[in-house]
Amino acid sequence: MFVTLRRDPGRARRLHELEVAVAEAPSIEDAQRASAEIGSLLDAARREVAA
């Protein structure tokens, strides 16, 4: 799945931005929002791999 994410430059960039956002989040709510979006990216990649 991570290869699928990293293969697309836009998604790879967004994943990195979200990882940084989680690490530097000023609140748990901000970290949860970024984590949820990471989960969405992973779900989409999982679907692509399964297709």
PDB file of N, CA and C in Angstrom:
ATOM      1  N   MET A   1       0.814  -1.190   0.000  1.00  0.00           N
ATOM      2  CA  MET A   1       0.000   0.000   0.000  1.00  0.00           C
ATOM      3  C   MET A   1       0.863   1.262   0.000  1.00  0.00           C
ATOM      4  N   PHE A   2       1.943   1.233   0.754  1.00  0.00           N
ATOM      5  CA  PHE A   2       2.756   2.440   0.810  1.00  0.00           C
ATOM      6  C   PHE A   2       3.416   2.728  -0.535  1.00  0.00           C
ATOM      7  N   VAL A   3       3.728   1.682  -1.286  1.00  0.00           N
ATOM      8  CA  VAL A   3       4.269   1.899  -2.632  1.00  0.00           C
ATOM      9  C   VAL A   3       3.223   2.604  -3.485  1.00  0.00           C
ATOM     10  N   THR A   4       1.975   2.177  -3.364  1.00  0.00           N
ATOM     11  CA  THR A   4       0.887   2.816  -4.105  1.00  0.00           C
ATOM     12  C   THR A   4       0.770   4.285  -3.724  1.00  0.00           C
ATOM     13  N   LEU A   5       0.876   4.580  -2.446  1.00  0.00           N
ATOM     14  CA  LEU A   5       0.806   5.976  -1.993  1.00  0.00           C
ATOM     15  C   LEU A   5       1.997   6.788  -2.485  1.00  0.00           C
ATOM     16  N   ARG A   6       3.167   6.213  -2.394  1.00  0.00           N
ATOM     17  CA  ARG A   6       4.386   6.955  -2.728  1.00  0.00           C
ATOM     18  C   ARG A   6       4.586   7.113  -4.237  1.00  0.00           C
ATOM     19  N   ARG A   7       3.939   6.260  -5.012  1.00  0.00           N
ATOM     20  CA  ARG A   7       4.101   6.311  -6.467  1.00  0.00           C
ATOM     21  C   ARG A   7       3.501   7.599  -7.048  1.00  0.00           C
ATOM     22  N   ASP A   8       2.453   8.099  -6.433  1.00  0.00           N
ATOM     23  CA  ASP A   8       1.799   9.326  -6.904  1.00  0.00           C
ATOM     24  C   ASP A   8       2.386  10.509  -6.136  1.00  0.00           C
ATOM     25  N   PRO A   9       3.062  11.418  -6.825  1.00  0.00           N
ATOM     26  CA  PRO A   9       3.725  12.528  -6.111  1.00  0.00           C
ATOM     27  C   PRO A   9       2.778  13.373  -5.257  1.00  0.00           C
ATOM     28  N   GLY A  10       1.577  13.610  -5.741  1.00  0.00           N
ATOM     29  CA  GLY A  10       0.625  14.411  -4.969  1.00  0.00           C
ATOM     30  C   GLY A  10       0.206  13.727  -3.691  1.00  0.00           C
ATOM     31  N   ARG A  11      -0.079  12.439  -3.792  1.00  0.00           N
ATOM     32  CA  ARG A  11      -0.472  11.695  -2.581  1.00  0.00           C
ATOM     33  C   ARG A  11       0.703  11.527  -1.639  1.00  0.00           C
ATOM     34  N   ALA A  12       1.890  11.297  -2.192  1.00  0.00           N
ATOM     35  CA  ALA A  12       3.081  11.170  -1.342  1.00  0.00           C
ATOM     36  C   ALA A  12       3.328  12.461  -0.574  1.00  0.00           C
ATOM     37  N   ARG A  13       3.174  13.578  -1.269  1.00  0.00           N
ATOM     38  CA  ARG A  13       3.367  14.882  -0.623  1.00  0.00           C
ATOM     39  C   ARG A  13       2.317  15.101   0.473  1.00  0.00           C
ATOM     40  N   ARG A  14       1.053  14.756   0.166  1.00  0.00           N
ATOM     41  CA  ARG A  14      -0.014  14.942   1.157  1.00  0.00           C
ATOM     42  C   ARG A  14       0.205  14.044   2.367  1.00  0.00           C
ATOM     43  N   LEU A  15       0.620  12.796   2.127  1.00  0.00           N
ATOM     44  CA  LEU A  15       0.902  11.890   3.236  1.00  0.00           C
ATOM     45  C   LEU A  15       1.988  12.471   4.135  1.00  0.00           C
ATOM     46  N   HIS A  16       3.030  12.988   3.529  1.00  0.00           N
ATOM     47  CA  HIS A  16       4.117  13.588   4.322  1.00  0.00           C
ATOM     48  C   HIS A  16       3.601  14.790   5.118  1.00  0.00           C
ATOM     49  N   GLU A  17       2.810  15.645   4.475  1.00  0.00           N
ATOM     50  CA  GLU A  17       2.251  16.805   5.179  1.00  0.00           C
ATOM     51  C   GLU A  17       1.417  16.365   6.378  1.00  0.00           C
ATOM     52  N   LEU A  18       0.635  15.321   6.189  1.00  0.00           N
ATOM     53  CA  LEU A  18      -0.215  14.836   7.278  1.00  0.00           C
ATOM     54  C   LEU A  18       0.613  14.214   8.398  1.00  0.00           C
ATOM     55  N   GLU A  19       1.663  13.497   8.029  1.00  0.00           N
ATOM     56  CA  GLU A  19       2.544  12.919   9.056  1.00  0.00           C
ATOM     57  C   GLU A  19       3.165  14.030   9.909  1.00  0.00           C
ATOM     58  N   VAL A  20       3.596  15.085   9.266  1.00  0.00           N
ATOM     59  CA  VAL A  20       4.162  16.229   9.991  1.00  0.00           C
ATOM     60  C   VAL A  20       3.082  16.883  10.842  1.00  0.00           C
ATOM     61  N   ALA A  21       1.879  17.013  10.281  1.00  0.00           N
ATOM     62  CA  ALA A  21       0.778  17.634  11.027  1.00  0.00           C
ATOM     63  C   ALA A  21       0.465  16.855  12.296  1.00  0.00           C
ATOM     64  N   VAL A  22       0.495  15.534  12.220  1.00  0.00           N
ATOM     65  CA  VAL A  22       0.248  14.715  13.409  1.00  0.00           C
ATOM     66  C   VAL A  22       1.361  14.940  14.431  1.00  0.00           C
ATOM     67  N   ALA A  23       2.594  14.909  13.956  1.00  0.00           N
ATOM     68  CA  ALA A  23       3.742  15.052  14.862  1.00  0.00           C
ATOM     69  C   ALA A  23       3.779  16.415  15.542  1.00  0.00           C
ATOM     70  N   GLU A  24       3.314  17.447  14.843  1.00  0.00           N
ATOM     71  CA  GLU A  24       3.417  18.806  15.372  1.00  0.00           C
ATOM     72  C   GLU A  24       2.072  19.391  15.807  1.00  0.00           C
ATOM     73  N   ALA A  25       1.061  18.560  15.880  1.00  0.00           N
ATOM     74  CA  ALA A  25      -0.284  19.043  16.202  1.00  0.00           C
ATOM     75  C   ALA A  25      -0.319  19.736  17.567  1.00  0.00           C
ATOM     76  N   PRO A  26      -0.935  20.909  17.597  1.00  0.00           N
ATOM     77  CA  PRO A  26      -1.036  21.634  18.868  1.00  0.00           C
ATOM     78  C   PRO A  26      -2.102  21.048  19.802  1.00  0.00           C
ATOM     79  N   SER A  27      -2.975  20.224  19.256  1.00  0.00           N
ATOM     80  CA  SER A  27      -4.017  19.630  20.093  1.00  0.00           C
ATOM     81  C   SER A  27      -4.304  18.204  19.618  1.00  0.00           C
ATOM     82  N   ILE A  28      -4.913  17.435  20.486  1.00  0.00           N
ATOM     83  CA  ILE A  28      -5.274  16.065  20.135  1.00  0.00           C
ATOM     84  C   ILE A  28      -6.296  16.060  19.005  1.00  0.00           C
ATOM     85  N   GLU A  29      -7.170  17.042  18.982  1.00  0.00           N
ATOM     86  CA  GLU A  29      -8.183  17.122  17.918  1.00  0.00           C
ATOM     87  C   GLU A  29      -7.535  17.322  16.556  1.00  0.00           C
ATOM     88  N   ASP A  30      -6.537  18.179  16.507  1.00  0.00           N
ATOM     89  CA  ASP A  30      -5.816  18.406  15.245  1.00  0.00           C
ATOM     90  C   ASP A  30      -5.099  17.132  14.803  1.00  0.00           C
ATOM     91  N   ALA A  31      -4.482  16.443  15.744  1.00  0.00           N
ATOM     92  CA  ALA A  31      -3.805  15.187  15.426  1.00  0.00           C
ATOM     93  C   ALA A  31      -4.806  14.143  14.938  1.00  0.00           C
ATOM     94  N   GLN A  32      -5.964  14.094  15.541  1.00  0.00           N
ATOM     95  CA  GLN A  32      -6.987  13.131  15.130  1.00  0.00           C
ATOM     96  C   GLN A  32      -7.495  13.426  13.726  1.00  0.00           C
ATOM     97  N   ARG A  33      -7.672  14.691  13.395  1.00  0.00           N
ATOM     98  CA  ARG A  33      -8.128  15.050  12.042  1.00  0.00           C
ATOM     99  C   ARG A  33      -7.105  14.627  10.995  1.00  0.00           C
ATOM    100  N   ALA A  34      -5.845  14.917  11.260  1.00  0.00           N
ATOM    101  CA  ALA A  34      -4.794  14.534  10.314  1.00  0.00           C
ATOM    102  C   ALA A  34      -4.679  13.013  10.229  1.00  0.00           C
ATOM    103  N   SER A  35      -4.799  12.342  11.351  1.00  0.00           N
ATOM    104  CA  SER A  35      -4.737  10.877  11.364  1.00  0.00           C
ATOM    105  C   SER A  35      -5.891  10.268  10.579  1.00  0.00           C
ATOM    106  N   ALA A  36      -7.057  10.867  10.694  1.00  0.00           N
ATOM    107  CA  ALA A  36      -8.219  10.377   9.951  1.00  0.00           C
ATOM    108  C   ALA A  36      -7.987  10.504   8.449  1.00  0.00           C
ATOM    109  N   GLU A  37      -7.370  11.590   8.034  1.00  0.00           N
ATOM    110  CA  GLU A  37      -7.092  11.749   6.609  1.00  0.00           C
ATOM    111  C   GLU A  37      -6.036  10.749   6.146  1.00  0.00           C
ATOM    112  N   ILE A  38      -5.052  10.464   6.994  1.00  0.00           N
ATOM    113  CA  ILE A  38      -4.077   9.419   6.667  1.00  0.00           C
ATOM    114  C   ILE A  38      -4.807   8.094   6.478  1.00  0.00           C
ATOM    115  N   GLY A  39      -5.745   7.811   7.361  1.00  0.00           N
ATOM    116  CA  GLY A  39      -6.537   6.586   7.235  1.00  0.00           C
ATOM    117  C   GLY A  39      -7.294   6.531   5.925  1.00  0.00           C
ATOM    118  N   SER A  40      -7.825   7.651   5.485  1.00  0.00           N
ATOM    119  CA  SER A  40      -8.532   7.698   4.208  1.00  0.00           C
ATOM    120  C   SER A  40      -7.584   7.426   3.041  1.00  0.00           C
ATOM    121  N   LEU A  41      -6.399   7.990   3.102  1.00  0.00           N
ATOM    122  CA  LEU A  41      -5.409   7.718   2.056  1.00  0.00           C
ATOM    123  C   LEU A  41      -5.038   6.234   2.025  1.00  0.00           C
ATOM    124  N   LEU A  42      -4.859   5.646   3.210  1.00  0.00           N
ATOM    125  CA  LEU A  42      -4.532   4.220   3.281  1.00  0.00           C
ATOM    126  C   LEU A  42      -5.673   3.352   2.754  1.00  0.00           C
ATOM    127  N   ASP A  43      -6.899   3.720   3.083  1.00  0.00           N
ATOM    128  CA  ASP A  43      -8.052   2.968   2.588  1.00  0.00           C
ATOM    129  C   ASP A  43      -8.113   3.010   1.063  1.00  0.00           C
ATOM    130  N   ALA A  44      -7.897   4.187   0.486  1.00  0.00           N
ATOM    131  CA  ALA A  44      -7.918   4.322  -0.966  1.00  0.00           C
ATOM    132  C   ALA A  44      -6.809   3.476  -1.604  1.00  0.00           C
ATOM    133  N   ALA A  45      -5.622   3.502  -1.002  1.00  0.00           N
ATOM    134  CA  ALA A  45      -4.514   2.704  -1.525  1.00  0.00           C
ATOM    135  C   ALA A  45      -4.820   1.211  -1.419  1.00  0.00           C
ATOM    136  N   ARG A  46      -5.422   0.816  -0.329  1.00  0.00           N
ATOM    137  CA  ARG A  46      -5.788  -0.600  -0.140  1.00  0.00           C
ATOM    138  C   ARG A  46      -6.759  -1.043  -1.224  1.00  0.00           C
ATOM    139  N   ARG A  47      -7.735  -0.195  -1.530  1.00  0.00           N
ATOM    140  CA  ARG A  47      -8.705  -0.521  -2.586  1.00  0.00           C
ATOM    141  C   ARG A  47      -8.018  -0.646  -3.942  1.00  0.00           C
ATOM    142  N   GLU A  48      -7.045   0.229  -4.216  1.00  0.00           N
ATOM    143  CA  GLU A  48      -6.326   0.163  -5.483  1.00  0.00           C
ATOM    144  C   GLU A  48      -5.525  -1.128  -5.593  1.00  0.00           C
ATOM    145  N   VAL A  49      -4.885  -1.519  -4.521  1.00  0.00           N
ATOM    146  CA  VAL A  49      -4.089  -2.742  -4.517  1.00  0.00           C
ATOM    147  C   VAL A  49      -4.993  -3.959  -4.728  1.00  0.00           C
ATOM    148  N   ALA A  50      -6.164  -3.934  -4.128  1.00  0.00           N
ATOM    149  CA  ALA A  50      -7.084  -5.068  -4.218  1.00  0.00           C
ATOM    150  C   ALA A  50      -7.750  -5.155  -5.585  1.00  0.00           C
ATOM    151  N   ALA A  51      -7.793  -4.060  -6.311  1.00  0.00           N
ATOM    152  CA  ALA A  51      -8.480  -4.048  -7.622  1.00  0.00           C
ATOM    153  C   ALA A  51      -7.696  -4.752  -8.700  1.00  0.00           C
TER     154      ALA A  51
END
